Every structure is written in C-alpha cells, then in structure tokens.
Amino acid sequence: MPAASSVPATSGRTPTVIRVLSLATFVVILNETIMVNAIPRLMGDLHVTERSAQWVSTAFMLTMAAVIPATGWFLQRVTTRRAYSIAMGVFLFGTALSAIAPTFAILLVGRVIQAGGTAVMMPLLMTTLMTVVHEHDRGRVMGNVTLAISVAPAMGPVISGLVLQIGSWRWLFVLMLPIAGLVTWLGLRQLENIGEPQTGALDVSSVAFAALGFGSLVYGLSKFSPDDVTAPALTVLAGVALIVIFGVRQVSLQRKGTPLLDLRVLLVGTYAKALTLMAIAFLAMLGSMILLPLYLQNLRGLTPLETGLLIMPGGLAMGLLGPTVGRIFDRFGGRLLVIPGAIGITAALAGFTQISASMPYWQLLALHVLLMISLAASFTPVFTLGLGALPPQLYSHGSSMLGTLQQVAAALGTALVVTVMSARSTSLIEDGADPVSAQLDGMRLAFGVSAALSLLVIVAAVLLPNRSADPHGHGGPDGPDAEPDTSGVDAQSVADGAEAITAQAAIAPQLVKD
C-alpha cells in the first residue's frame, strides 16, 4: 500500500477499488457476529460448556486486537493486490477449517485464522479510500463504506438465526465459502495496485509486545465479573504495562527505524480528538448492544431470531443513512452532524434507562433506531475528519490505530455494563428483591452509566473542527491552481486550517528522517 501523496485522487465517483474492498469487508465483518446464536448448538454438538463455547466470539475479538496494530506496517510493505489476496486467502482457509472442524479446539483455530484475515480488511479499505478519493468526496464515499460495515454486524445474528432454524451451525461457514470465494475472485479481477510498497525491516519485539499487550488487555476486560475481579484486573494491568513498553519502543523506532505502529498520528490534534470521540461512542454503543439482547431474551422471552429481527432496523437505518450523511458532510462540514449525533446518542441511552417488563416494543425499536442514526451521523464525519487530518504517510497507521481502539473499546464497554448490571442485580437479590426486578434495575443502571459516558462524546464533538484542512496537496475541487473561494471563510475555518498546518509542521521533520 502507498504512503505517498503522488497517487492521484479521483473526484465525483466511487472508485472500483473501494466498491470491491467494501464488499469484501462486508463479507468478513459479517462473521464477527454470525456465531452469536450458535452457542447452544456448539455446546450440544461439541460437548463444551457455555463459558467455553463463548470463545468462538472471544477468540475472534482477541485476534483482531492482537493483529490490527501490525497492519499499518504491513500495508505499507505490500501492494494492494497482495494485501487483498493474503487477507481473503487467510479468511477463506479459516472459514473452510471451521466448517469441517471435528473438535471445538479446531473450530477455535479456524475462528482465529478467520479473524486474522478480517483484521487486515478494515485498515486496507480505509487506507485505500483516503489515498484514492478526493478530499471533497470523502464524506460521500465514507458514507457508502459505512453502509457496508455497519449493516454487516446487524445482519449477522439475523442470518445465523435463519440458518440455525433449518440446519447445523456448520452451514454458517459452508454458505460463507462460495460467497467469500466469489468476492475474492471479483477483487483479484478488478483491483489495481495503488502506489508503491515501501521498504523496512519488521521489528519482532514490537509485534510481540503489541500482540501480548492488546491481547491481554482485551482478554482481561472480557473476563470481568462481580465474582471474578482480581484475575482479570491483573491481566488488564499486565496488558497495559506491555502496551506502555510497546509505545516506548515505537517512539524509539520513529527516530532510528521503522515503527510497527507510528504514534505520531497522536500529534495531530484533529485525529486525536476524533479518536477519543470514536472510542467513547463505540464503548457506549457496544454496551447497549450487549444489554438489549439480554433484556429481550432473558426478561421478555424473545428467541434469538426475534431479537435479531427487532434490532435489525436500527442497523439497517445506520447503514442506509451513511451515504446521505456523507453528502451532508461534504457540503456543510462535520459540526452539523456530529454535535446533534452526539446529543442523540445520549438521549437514546437515557431513554433505555426507563425499560420495564412491559415497555412497548415500538418504543424499544424507536430508541434503538435513534441510537443507530445518531451513531451514523457521528461516525462518518469523525472517521473522515480524523484520517483526513493526517499526512498520507500515516494513513495506514491511523487506520490501524482506529481499528485497535475499536476492539479495546468494545471489550471495555462490554465489561463495564455487564459488571455494573451484575453487581447491582446481585446486591438487590441479596437484599430480598425478586430476580426479575433486580435484573431490570441492574440493566437500568448499566444503561445510565453508558448515558453518562456519552456526555463525553458531546464534549468531544464540540471540540472537533468543522473540516480538516487538506494537507495532501490536492487543492480545492477545481485543482491546486484554482483561485481560492473565500466567500465562506470564517474564524472557525481559519482555526481548523491553522491546527492542521501546525500539526503537519510538528511531525514533518520526523517523517523526513524516516
């Protein structure tokens, strides 16, 4: 993948390479949630406990967290076609192995291999988009990408519910094989290489520190419970310590070598703000995505398929609204979207604190759709503003940092809401409350914690600039030599531009050294 800005940016249309990568990313991300409903089947067929069966999802998440930090380095060292063929080849092999797995251990290996291929696709898509799409079209194209990557997780439980109604859990992988194979074939037919690979040695110690650090952090967070705090806390602390060592190592390599994950992306103010907003919003979103199915299935008696169908409209609304959000961003900038979106996230989560054993389903559906639409209004501008503020040399590293933090935020959000809910429910039961009322109260408190955290999203949204000044040399929509249009320039635009220029100046000397 390129890191140079010499690659021409297209304007006015979505490049074929982005369409192909979006389709492939949809297919691989679908697998992150497709096993949610298969836990009971795995327990019976492969003779494992529920805790063990949950590892088909946990192992996927851990692998993503461990592999994504290395993708920034990897994408700068191989061509677009090579990265795509490796990612999809690994994914196909993992899918085939999972389909024929004779034991649960082999199934876990297959899921880990699947996740290894999936981990490359998202940074590959984002990095390629930022390279080949003109700055003034990025909102629109990022919106189209959002349609693919947000609908996939929402469709996973629904598709798995339908398949499991008529067949074995193995069909979840068998049916995926020809689809992924066709997507791979189409991609290799149509993809062209973007830019030239760079040279640079792989720092093995950085790979080890990143994999162990982020893997331990996510694993520890995923194991938190009121009955087991000490061991997960120690695992989290060990992960944090390894991540600190990893960070120190990267700073050292930035001066004299090739970092695995270039931390200079954090010197760009707009990117750092976008990263913070995305992490908190993702944490709040994942918390609600865990709590709502628990509420619908455990307290309202819905089947997994019925639960998936109820929450699917929210995911579809988020995805289908993506292109519209992108066009609004291209025309008016980010503030018109991100600030109302942040407020909508808080309002939806606050609404969920009022759940009861008889709350009408239409109210639940409306709150979930509001949450998903608000997230759509936030994520597309945040991704575009954050990555757009980086110099092209750091696109792949910025994409990798976003992907890594998403996995950490997902694990933290899940651990937080489950721990709060369980602790509150257990306390009430010990005081004599009936289990249903206690669990409801625990869920209300967990939603309240998520709503409180989402207030920080509003603060981060207010601090974000309306636009990132284009640091890539593309100029305005009429080319670099066109006369500038100053009719719409205001103090905020000047401040946004100054921030981006200052950030570029701050990191330019180090980039030249490397």
Protein backbone atom coordinates (compact mmCIF):
# COMPACT_ATOMS: atom_id res chain seq x y z
CA MET A 1 0.00 0.00 0.00
CA PRO A 2 1.20 3.51 -0.69
CA ALA A 3 2.09 6.13 1.77
CA ALA A 4 2.98 8.73 -0.82
CA SER A 5 0.71 11.57 -1.84
CA SER A 6 1.62 11.20 -5.51
CA VAL A 7 -1.29 8.83 -6.07
CA PRO A 8 -3.98 10.72 -7.95
CA ALA A 9 -7.26 11.18 -6.12
CA THR A 10 -10.45 10.59 -8.00
CA SER A 11 -13.34 13.01 -7.87
CA GLY A 12 -17.07 12.67 -8.46
CA ARG A 13 -17.43 8.88 -8.30
CA THR A 14 -16.68 5.93 -6.07
CA PRO A 15 -13.59 4.13 -7.41
CA THR A 16 -13.94 0.46 -8.31
CA VAL A 17 -11.24 -0.46 -5.80
CA ILE A 18 -13.38 0.99 -2.98
CA ARG A 19 -16.50 -0.84 -4.16
CA VAL A 20 -14.66 -4.16 -4.23
CA LEU A 21 -12.98 -3.64 -0.86
CA SER A 22 -16.29 -2.55 0.71
CA LEU A 23 -17.99 -5.74 -0.49
CA ALA A 24 -15.15 -7.88 0.82
CA THR A 25 -15.14 -6.04 4.14
CA PHE A 26 -18.90 -6.61 4.48
CA VAL A 27 -18.41 -10.35 3.99
CA VAL A 28 -15.61 -10.72 6.54
CA ILE A 29 -17.14 -8.45 9.20
CA LEU A 30 -20.40 -10.40 8.97
CA ASN A 31 -18.55 -13.29 10.58
CA GLU A 32 -17.76 -11.31 13.72
CA THR A 33 -21.38 -11.63 14.92
CA ILE A 34 -22.66 -14.62 12.95
CA MET A 35 -21.85 -17.12 15.74
CA VAL A 36 -23.82 -15.25 18.42
CA ASN A 37 -26.86 -17.53 18.16
CA ALA A 38 -24.90 -20.76 17.70
CA ILE A 39 -23.66 -21.14 21.31
CA PRO A 40 -26.36 -23.66 22.39
CA ARG A 41 -25.73 -25.80 19.28
CA LEU A 42 -21.98 -25.84 19.90
CA MET A 43 -22.50 -26.91 23.50
CA GLY A 44 -24.50 -29.96 22.37
CA ASP A 45 -22.59 -30.96 19.24
CA LEU A 46 -19.03 -30.44 20.52
CA HIS A 47 -19.71 -31.21 24.20
CA VAL A 48 -18.40 -27.96 25.70
CA THR A 49 -19.65 -25.68 28.45
CA GLU A 50 -21.29 -22.33 27.77
CA ARG A 51 -18.19 -20.50 29.01
CA SER A 52 -16.01 -22.47 26.59
CA ALA A 53 -18.43 -22.02 23.69
CA GLN A 54 -18.29 -18.24 24.15
CA TRP A 55 -14.68 -18.42 22.99
CA VAL A 56 -15.81 -18.63 19.34
CA SER A 57 -16.56 -14.90 19.70
CA THR A 58 -13.90 -14.03 22.29
CA ALA A 59 -11.09 -15.62 20.24
CA PHE A 60 -12.18 -13.66 17.17
CA MET A 61 -12.08 -10.38 19.11
CA LEU A 62 -8.73 -11.18 20.74
CA THR A 63 -7.14 -11.98 17.38
CA MET A 64 -8.42 -8.75 15.90
CA ALA A 65 -6.95 -6.78 18.81
CA ALA A 66 -3.59 -8.56 18.51
CA VAL A 67 -3.24 -8.36 14.72
CA ILE A 68 -4.59 -4.90 13.83
CA PRO A 69 -1.66 -2.95 15.39
CA ALA A 70 0.68 -4.61 12.87
CA THR A 71 -1.47 -3.83 9.81
CA GLY A 72 -0.15 -0.26 9.48
CA TRP A 73 3.37 -1.60 8.89
CA PHE A 74 2.10 -4.48 6.74
CA LEU A 75 0.02 -2.33 4.38
CA GLN A 76 2.99 -0.09 3.66
CA ARG A 77 5.13 -3.08 2.69
CA VAL A 78 2.89 -4.90 0.18
CA THR A 79 0.85 -3.96 -2.88
CA THR A 80 -2.91 -3.53 -2.75
CA ARG A 81 -3.49 -6.80 -4.61
CA ARG A 82 -1.06 -8.69 -2.39
CA ALA A 83 -2.68 -7.39 0.81
CA TYR A 84 -6.14 -8.25 -0.53
CA SER A 85 -5.19 -11.74 -1.70
CA ILE A 86 -3.45 -12.55 1.61
CA ALA A 87 -6.35 -11.26 3.71
CA MET A 88 -9.05 -13.06 1.74
CA GLY A 89 -6.95 -16.22 1.36
CA VAL A 90 -6.41 -16.41 5.11
CA PHE A 91 -10.12 -15.75 5.70
CA LEU A 92 -11.18 -18.48 3.25
CA PHE A 93 -8.83 -21.01 4.84
CA GLY A 94 -10.14 -20.20 8.32
CA THR A 95 -13.74 -20.48 7.10
CA ALA A 96 -13.12 -23.88 5.48
CA LEU A 97 -11.34 -25.17 8.59
CA SER A 98 -14.22 -24.01 10.81
CA ALA A 99 -16.78 -25.72 8.57
CA ILE A 100 -15.14 -29.14 8.87
CA ALA A 101 -13.81 -28.78 12.44
CA PRO A 102 -14.13 -32.19 14.16
CA THR A 103 -13.45 -30.73 17.62
CA PHE A 104 -14.01 -27.46 19.42
CA ALA A 105 -10.26 -26.78 19.51
CA ILE A 106 -10.06 -26.97 15.70
CA LEU A 107 -13.08 -24.68 15.43
CA LEU A 108 -11.30 -22.12 17.62
CA VAL A 109 -8.21 -22.32 15.41
CA GLY A 110 -10.41 -21.72 12.37
CA ARG A 111 -12.02 -18.67 14.02
CA VAL A 112 -8.59 -17.26 14.90
CA ILE A 113 -7.46 -17.66 11.28
CA GLN A 114 -10.70 -16.04 10.06
CA ALA A 115 -10.09 -13.08 12.36
CA GLY A 116 -6.52 -12.73 11.09
CA GLY A 117 -7.83 -12.11 7.57
CA THR A 118 -10.62 -9.84 8.81
CA ALA A 119 -8.16 -7.69 10.77
CA VAL A 120 -6.41 -6.63 7.57
CA MET A 121 -9.52 -5.72 5.57
CA MET A 122 -10.78 -2.69 7.50
CA PRO A 123 -7.43 -0.81 7.60
CA LEU A 124 -6.88 -1.79 3.94
CA LEU A 125 -10.25 -0.30 2.98
CA MET A 126 -9.78 2.91 4.98
CA THR A 127 -6.19 3.46 3.85
CA THR A 128 -7.08 2.92 0.19
CA LEU A 129 -10.10 5.22 0.46
CA MET A 130 -8.02 8.06 1.91
CA THR A 131 -5.43 7.58 -0.83
CA VAL A 132 -7.58 7.40 -3.96
CA VAL A 133 -10.63 9.52 -3.10
CA HIS A 134 -10.51 13.29 -3.50
CA GLU A 135 -10.72 15.20 -0.22
CA HIS A 136 -14.01 16.84 -1.26
CA ASP A 137 -15.67 13.48 -2.00
CA ARG A 138 -14.52 11.57 1.07
CA GLY A 139 -17.66 12.15 3.09
CA ARG A 140 -19.86 10.68 0.35
CA VAL A 141 -17.62 7.67 -0.21
CA MET A 142 -17.08 7.12 3.52
CA GLY A 143 -20.86 7.15 3.85
CA ASN A 144 -21.15 4.37 1.27
CA VAL A 145 -18.49 2.42 3.16
CA THR A 146 -20.45 2.91 6.39
CA LEU A 147 -23.41 1.21 4.73
CA ALA A 148 -21.29 -1.92 4.27
CA ILE A 149 -19.51 -2.04 7.61
CA SER A 150 -22.47 -1.13 9.83
CA VAL A 151 -25.11 -3.35 8.22
CA ALA A 152 -22.87 -6.44 8.45
CA PRO A 153 -22.81 -6.73 12.29
CA ALA A 154 -26.57 -6.10 12.41
CA MET A 155 -27.23 -8.82 9.83
CA GLY A 156 -25.00 -11.44 11.48
CA PRO A 157 -27.41 -12.56 14.24
CA VAL A 158 -30.40 -12.44 11.87
CA ILE A 159 -28.70 -14.58 9.22
CA SER A 160 -27.41 -17.05 11.80
CA GLY A 161 -30.89 -17.27 13.34
CA LEU A 162 -32.42 -18.12 9.96
CA VAL A 163 -29.74 -20.69 9.10
CA LEU A 164 -29.95 -22.37 12.51
CA GLN A 165 -33.71 -22.78 12.09
CA ILE A 166 -33.11 -25.24 9.25
CA GLY A 167 -29.56 -26.54 9.56
CA SER A 168 -26.41 -27.15 11.58
CA TRP A 169 -24.05 -24.43 12.77
CA ARG A 170 -21.59 -25.73 10.19
CA TRP A 171 -23.77 -24.24 7.46
CA LEU A 172 -22.85 -20.79 8.76
CA PHE A 173 -19.38 -21.44 7.34
CA VAL A 174 -20.35 -23.66 4.39
CA LEU A 175 -22.64 -20.99 2.95
CA MET A 176 -19.98 -18.34 3.50
CA LEU A 177 -17.32 -20.18 1.46
CA PRO A 178 -18.75 -19.66 -2.06
CA ILE A 179 -19.72 -16.06 -1.27
CA ALA A 180 -16.24 -15.20 0.02
CA GLY A 181 -14.67 -17.12 -2.87
CA LEU A 182 -16.69 -15.15 -5.43
CA VAL A 183 -15.80 -11.85 -3.77
CA THR A 184 -12.12 -12.82 -3.77
CA TRP A 185 -12.25 -13.71 -7.47
CA LEU A 186 -14.00 -10.44 -8.37
CA GLY A 187 -11.46 -8.48 -6.37
CA LEU A 188 -8.45 -10.07 -7.99
CA ARG A 189 -10.01 -9.42 -11.42
CA GLN A 190 -10.70 -5.74 -10.82
CA LEU A 191 -8.26 -4.48 -8.19
CA GLU A 192 -5.28 -2.42 -9.29
CA ASN A 193 -2.25 -1.66 -7.19
CA ILE A 194 -2.30 1.77 -5.57
CA GLY A 195 1.14 3.30 -5.16
CA GLU A 196 4.40 1.52 -4.44
CA PRO A 197 5.34 -0.54 -1.37
CA GLN A 198 7.97 0.84 0.96
CA THR A 199 10.93 -1.00 2.42
CA GLY A 200 11.62 -1.51 6.09
CA ALA A 201 12.51 -4.30 8.49
CA LEU A 202 9.93 -5.83 10.79
CA ASP A 203 10.66 -5.28 14.48
CA VAL A 204 9.81 -8.64 16.01
CA SER A 205 9.79 -7.33 19.59
CA SER A 206 7.15 -4.73 18.63
CA VAL A 207 4.95 -7.47 17.18
CA ALA A 208 5.28 -9.48 20.39
CA PHE A 209 4.60 -6.52 22.69
CA ALA A 210 1.58 -5.42 20.60
CA ALA A 211 0.05 -8.89 20.36
CA LEU A 212 0.57 -9.72 24.05
CA GLY A 213 -0.31 -6.23 25.28
CA PHE A 214 -3.51 -5.60 23.35
CA GLY A 215 -4.49 -9.26 23.52
CA SER A 216 -4.08 -9.32 27.33
CA LEU A 217 -5.96 -6.05 27.70
CA VAL A 218 -8.95 -7.22 25.67
CA TYR A 219 -8.92 -10.67 27.28
CA GLY A 220 -8.81 -9.26 30.79
CA LEU A 221 -11.65 -6.84 30.06
CA SER A 222 -13.75 -9.62 28.56
CA LYS A 223 -13.41 -11.70 31.75
CA PHE A 224 -14.52 -9.09 34.29
CA SER A 225 -17.42 -10.12 36.51
CA PRO A 226 -18.52 -9.32 40.08
CA ASP A 227 -17.44 -12.82 41.15
CA ASP A 228 -14.03 -12.63 39.49
CA VAL A 229 -12.29 -9.26 39.63
CA THR A 230 -8.74 -9.92 40.77
CA ALA A 231 -7.51 -12.20 37.96
CA PRO A 232 -8.98 -10.06 35.12
CA ALA A 233 -7.62 -6.90 36.77
CA LEU A 234 -4.12 -8.37 36.91
CA THR A 235 -4.41 -9.41 33.26
CA VAL A 236 -5.51 -5.90 32.30
CA LEU A 237 -2.63 -4.34 34.25
CA ALA A 238 -0.16 -6.70 32.55
CA GLY A 239 -1.64 -5.75 29.18
CA VAL A 240 -1.35 -2.02 29.96
CA ALA A 241 2.27 -2.48 31.04
CA LEU A 242 3.11 -4.30 27.79
CA ILE A 243 1.35 -1.60 25.76
CA VAL A 244 3.44 1.07 27.53
CA ILE A 245 6.60 -0.87 26.63
CA PHE A 246 5.27 -1.17 23.07
CA GLY A 247 4.70 2.61 22.93
CA VAL A 248 8.20 3.39 24.20
CA ARG A 249 9.62 1.01 21.60
CA GLN A 250 7.66 2.73 18.81
CA VAL A 251 8.93 6.18 19.85
CA SER A 252 12.47 4.82 19.71
CA LEU A 253 11.91 3.28 16.26
CA GLN A 254 10.42 6.53 14.96
CA ARG A 255 13.83 8.14 15.50
CA LYS A 256 16.05 5.42 14.08
CA GLY A 257 13.99 2.76 12.35
CA THR A 258 10.58 1.71 11.13
CA PRO A 259 7.82 1.67 13.77
CA LEU A 260 5.22 -1.06 13.69
CA LEU A 261 2.53 1.47 14.66
CA ASP A 262 3.52 5.11 14.12
CA LEU A 263 2.38 7.01 17.21
CA ARG A 264 2.96 10.39 15.53
CA VAL A 265 -0.66 10.17 14.43
CA LEU A 266 -1.49 11.23 18.01
CA LEU A 267 0.36 14.53 17.47
CA VAL A 268 -2.33 15.61 15.01
CA GLY A 269 -4.93 17.36 17.15
CA THR A 270 -7.96 16.68 14.96
CA TYR A 271 -7.11 12.99 14.68
CA ALA A 272 -6.59 12.67 18.45
CA LYS A 273 -9.98 14.31 19.14
CA ALA A 274 -11.70 12.09 16.56
CA LEU A 275 -10.05 9.01 18.08
CA THR A 276 -11.30 9.96 21.55
CA LEU A 277 -14.86 10.58 20.34
CA MET A 278 -14.94 7.33 18.39
CA ALA A 279 -13.66 5.28 21.32
CA ILE A 280 -16.19 6.63 23.82
CA ALA A 281 -19.08 6.37 21.34
CA PHE A 282 -18.07 2.82 20.43
CA LEU A 283 -17.84 1.90 24.11
CA ALA A 284 -21.37 3.22 24.74
CA MET A 285 -22.72 1.57 21.58
CA LEU A 286 -21.27 -1.87 22.37
CA GLY A 287 -22.59 -1.68 25.90
CA SER A 288 -26.11 -1.13 24.62
CA MET A 289 -25.71 -3.89 22.02
CA ILE A 290 -24.93 -6.33 24.85
CA LEU A 291 -27.68 -5.17 27.20
CA LEU A 292 -30.57 -5.00 24.74
CA PRO A 293 -30.43 -8.67 23.61
CA LEU A 294 -30.07 -9.77 27.24
CA TYR A 295 -33.18 -7.78 28.13
CA LEU A 296 -35.21 -9.02 25.17
CA GLN A 297 -34.30 -12.69 25.58
CA ASN A 298 -33.96 -13.10 29.35
CA LEU A 299 -36.74 -10.78 30.52
CA ARG A 300 -39.12 -10.55 27.57
CA GLY A 301 -38.80 -14.15 26.38
CA LEU A 302 -37.93 -13.45 22.73
CA THR A 303 -35.99 -16.01 20.69
CA PRO A 304 -32.57 -15.07 19.27
CA LEU A 305 -34.12 -14.77 15.80
CA GLU A 306 -36.90 -12.49 17.07
CA THR A 307 -34.33 -10.41 18.92
CA GLY A 308 -32.23 -10.08 15.77
CA LEU A 309 -35.26 -9.03 13.72
CA LEU A 310 -36.21 -6.39 16.30
CA ILE A 311 -32.78 -4.75 16.38
CA MET A 312 -32.08 -5.18 12.65
CA PRO A 313 -33.96 -1.99 11.58
CA GLY A 314 -31.55 0.10 13.64
CA GLY A 315 -28.51 -1.40 11.92
CA LEU A 316 -30.13 -1.01 8.50
CA ALA A 317 -31.06 2.60 9.26
CA MET A 318 -27.46 3.31 10.28
CA GLY A 319 -26.09 1.81 7.09
CA LEU A 320 -28.66 3.24 4.68
CA LEU A 321 -28.25 6.71 6.14
CA GLY A 322 -24.49 6.58 5.59
CA PRO A 323 -24.45 7.95 2.01
CA THR A 324 -26.77 10.83 2.97
CA VAL A 325 -24.62 11.66 5.98
CA GLY A 326 -21.57 11.64 3.72
CA ARG A 327 -23.10 14.07 1.24
CA ILE A 328 -24.15 16.43 4.05
CA PHE A 329 -20.63 16.30 5.44
CA ASP A 330 -19.08 17.11 2.05
CA ARG A 331 -21.33 20.13 1.69
CA PHE A 332 -21.60 21.56 5.19
CA GLY A 333 -18.79 20.01 7.24
CA GLY A 334 -18.85 17.90 10.38
CA ARG A 335 -20.41 20.05 13.11
CA LEU A 336 -23.92 19.95 11.64
CA LEU A 337 -23.80 16.16 12.01
CA VAL A 338 -21.51 15.29 14.89
CA ILE A 339 -22.97 17.56 17.57
CA PRO A 340 -26.63 16.54 17.00
CA GLY A 341 -25.44 12.95 16.64
CA ALA A 342 -23.67 13.07 20.00
CA ILE A 343 -26.78 14.53 21.64
CA GLY A 344 -28.91 11.80 20.02
CA ILE A 345 -26.62 9.08 21.40
CA THR A 346 -27.05 10.43 24.93
CA ALA A 347 -30.81 10.84 24.50
CA ALA A 348 -31.25 7.25 23.26
CA LEU A 349 -29.17 5.74 26.06
CA ALA A 350 -31.04 7.86 28.62
CA GLY A 351 -34.30 6.54 27.15
CA PHE A 352 -33.14 2.96 27.71
CA THR A 353 -32.85 3.67 31.44
CA GLN A 354 -36.66 3.59 31.51
CA ILE A 355 -37.02 -0.02 30.36
CA SER A 356 -39.57 -2.16 32.17
CA ALA A 357 -41.06 -5.63 31.91
CA SER A 358 -43.91 -4.23 29.82
CA MET A 359 -42.31 -1.45 27.78
CA PRO A 360 -43.91 -1.46 24.29
CA TYR A 361 -41.70 -2.94 21.61
CA TRP A 362 -42.25 0.07 19.36
CA GLN A 363 -40.61 2.29 21.98
CA LEU A 364 -37.61 -0.04 22.17
CA LEU A 365 -37.39 -0.05 18.39
CA ALA A 366 -37.62 3.77 18.23
CA LEU A 367 -34.88 4.21 20.83
CA HIS A 368 -32.61 1.73 19.06
CA VAL A 369 -33.17 3.39 15.66
CA LEU A 370 -32.43 6.80 17.24
CA LEU A 371 -29.19 5.42 18.68
CA MET A 372 -28.09 3.91 15.37
CA ILE A 373 -28.99 7.02 13.34
CA SER A 374 -27.10 9.20 15.83
CA LEU A 375 -24.07 6.93 15.56
CA ALA A 376 -24.27 7.14 11.76
CA ALA A 377 -24.34 10.94 11.99
CA SER A 378 -21.22 10.79 14.15
CA PHE A 379 -19.01 8.00 12.80
CA THR A 380 -18.78 9.00 9.11
CA PRO A 381 -17.68 12.61 9.85
CA VAL A 382 -15.40 11.50 12.67
CA PHE A 383 -13.57 8.93 10.53
CA THR A 384 -13.30 11.37 7.62
CA LEU A 385 -12.14 14.32 9.75
CA GLY A 386 -9.67 12.26 11.76
CA LEU A 387 -7.97 10.40 8.91
CA GLY A 388 -8.19 13.45 6.64
CA ALA A 389 -6.08 15.46 9.07
CA LEU A 390 -3.16 13.02 8.71
CA PRO A 391 -0.42 13.22 6.07
CA PRO A 392 -0.60 10.37 3.53
CA GLN A 393 2.46 8.70 5.07
CA LEU A 394 0.39 7.97 8.17
CA TYR A 395 -2.91 6.83 6.62
CA SER A 396 -2.31 3.13 7.24
CA HIS A 397 -1.09 3.75 10.79
CA GLY A 398 -4.08 5.99 11.54
CA SER A 399 -6.46 3.31 10.24
CA SER A 400 -4.72 0.67 12.35
CA MET A 401 -4.92 2.83 15.46
CA LEU A 402 -8.67 3.34 14.89
CA GLY A 403 -9.23 -0.39 14.42
CA THR A 404 -7.22 -1.32 17.51
CA LEU A 405 -9.01 1.17 19.71
CA GLN A 406 -12.37 -0.10 18.45
CA GLN A 407 -11.56 -3.58 19.74
CA VAL A 408 -10.38 -2.23 23.11
CA ALA A 409 -13.47 -0.01 23.41
CA ALA A 410 -15.73 -2.94 22.55
CA ALA A 411 -14.18 -5.09 25.27
CA LEU A 412 -14.23 -2.25 27.80
CA GLY A 413 -17.85 -1.37 27.03
CA THR A 414 -18.93 -4.98 27.40
CA ALA A 415 -17.01 -5.47 30.65
CA LEU A 416 -18.33 -2.23 32.10
CA VAL A 417 -22.04 -2.77 31.50
CA VAL A 418 -22.01 -6.47 32.42
CA THR A 419 -20.11 -5.80 35.65
CA VAL A 420 -22.37 -2.88 36.65
CA MET A 421 -25.53 -4.83 35.81
CA SER A 422 -24.43 -8.00 37.60
CA ALA A 423 -23.17 -6.19 40.70
CA ARG A 424 -26.41 -4.20 41.06
CA SER A 425 -28.63 -7.24 40.46
CA THR A 426 -26.70 -9.41 42.92
CA SER A 427 -26.85 -6.71 45.58
CA LEU A 428 -30.62 -6.31 45.22
CA ILE A 429 -31.24 -10.07 45.28
CA GLU A 430 -29.21 -10.36 48.48
CA ASP A 431 -31.45 -7.62 49.96
CA GLY A 432 -34.55 -9.67 49.16
CA ALA A 433 -35.66 -8.32 45.74
CA ASP A 434 -37.11 -10.75 43.21
CA PRO A 435 -34.66 -11.76 40.43
CA VAL A 436 -36.60 -10.17 37.55
CA SER A 437 -36.90 -6.78 39.25
CA ALA A 438 -33.26 -6.97 40.32
CA GLN A 439 -32.03 -7.71 36.79
CA LEU A 440 -34.18 -4.92 35.37
CA ASP A 441 -32.76 -2.46 37.87
CA GLY A 442 -29.24 -3.62 37.06
CA MET A 443 -29.84 -3.05 33.36
CA ARG A 444 -31.25 0.42 34.01
CA LEU A 445 -28.15 1.34 35.98
CA ALA A 446 -25.85 -0.04 33.26
CA PHE A 447 -27.69 1.99 30.61
CA GLY A 448 -27.37 5.02 32.91
CA VAL A 449 -23.59 4.55 33.12
CA SER A 450 -23.43 4.36 29.30
CA ALA A 451 -25.54 7.52 29.03
CA ALA A 452 -23.25 9.33 31.47
CA LEU A 453 -20.17 8.31 29.46
CA SER A 454 -21.83 9.51 26.27
CA LEU A 455 -21.84 13.05 27.69
CA LEU A 456 -18.10 13.00 26.98
CA VAL A 457 -18.99 12.35 23.32
CA ILE A 458 -20.85 15.66 23.25
CA VAL A 459 -17.81 17.44 24.69
CA ALA A 460 -15.50 15.82 22.11
CA ALA A 461 -17.96 16.68 19.31
CA VAL A 462 -17.93 20.37 20.25
CA LEU A 463 -14.12 20.38 20.22
CA LEU A 464 -13.87 18.83 16.73
CA PRO A 465 -13.29 21.23 13.82
CA ASN A 466 -15.89 21.60 11.10
CA ARG A 467 -13.41 20.46 8.46
CA SER A 468 -9.83 19.26 8.25
CA ALA A 469 -7.65 21.41 6.04
CA ASP A 470 -6.44 19.30 3.10
CA PRO A 471 -2.76 18.60 3.85
CA HIS A 472 -2.22 16.34 0.82
CA GLY A 473 -1.60 18.75 -1.97
CA HIS A 474 -4.80 18.07 -3.89
CA GLY A 475 -6.00 21.63 -3.65
CA GLY A 476 -9.62 22.57 -3.93
CA PRO A 477 -12.26 20.91 -6.07
CA ASP A 478 -11.03 22.74 -9.13
CA GLY A 479 -7.42 21.74 -8.68
CA PRO A 480 -4.40 23.14 -6.89
CA ASP A 481 -4.05 26.11 -9.19
CA ALA A 482 -7.62 27.34 -8.98
CA GLU A 483 -8.38 30.67 -7.40
CA PRO A 484 -9.44 30.19 -3.79
CA ASP A 485 -13.04 30.83 -2.88
CA THR A 486 -13.02 32.98 0.26
CA SER A 487 -16.72 33.72 0.34
CA GLY A 488 -17.42 31.15 3.06
CA VAL A 489 -14.29 31.58 5.15
CA ASP A 490 -14.91 32.20 8.84
CA ALA A 491 -12.88 32.21 12.01
CA GLN A 492 -13.51 28.50 12.64
CA SER A 493 -12.27 27.55 9.17
CA VAL A 494 -9.11 29.60 9.70
CA ALA A 495 -8.58 27.95 13.10
CA ASP A 496 -9.16 24.47 11.65
CA GLY A 497 -6.68 25.11 8.88
CA ALA A 498 -4.11 26.52 11.27
CA GLU A 499 -4.41 23.47 13.51
CA ALA A 500 -3.85 21.08 10.62
CA ILE A 501 -0.88 23.09 9.30
CA THR A 502 0.67 23.25 12.75
CA ALA A 503 0.25 19.51 13.21
CA GLN A 504 1.85 18.82 9.84
CA ALA A 505 4.78 21.09 10.70
CA ALA A 506 5.24 19.34 14.04
CA ILE A 507 5.64 15.88 12.54
CA ALA A 508 7.27 16.78 9.21
CA PRO A 509 10.90 16.73 10.47
CA GLN A 510 10.48 13.20 11.87
CA LEU A 511 8.84 12.00 8.66
CA VAL A 512 11.78 13.29 6.65
CA LYS A 513 14.20 11.42 8.92
CA ASP A 514 12.36 8.16 8.30
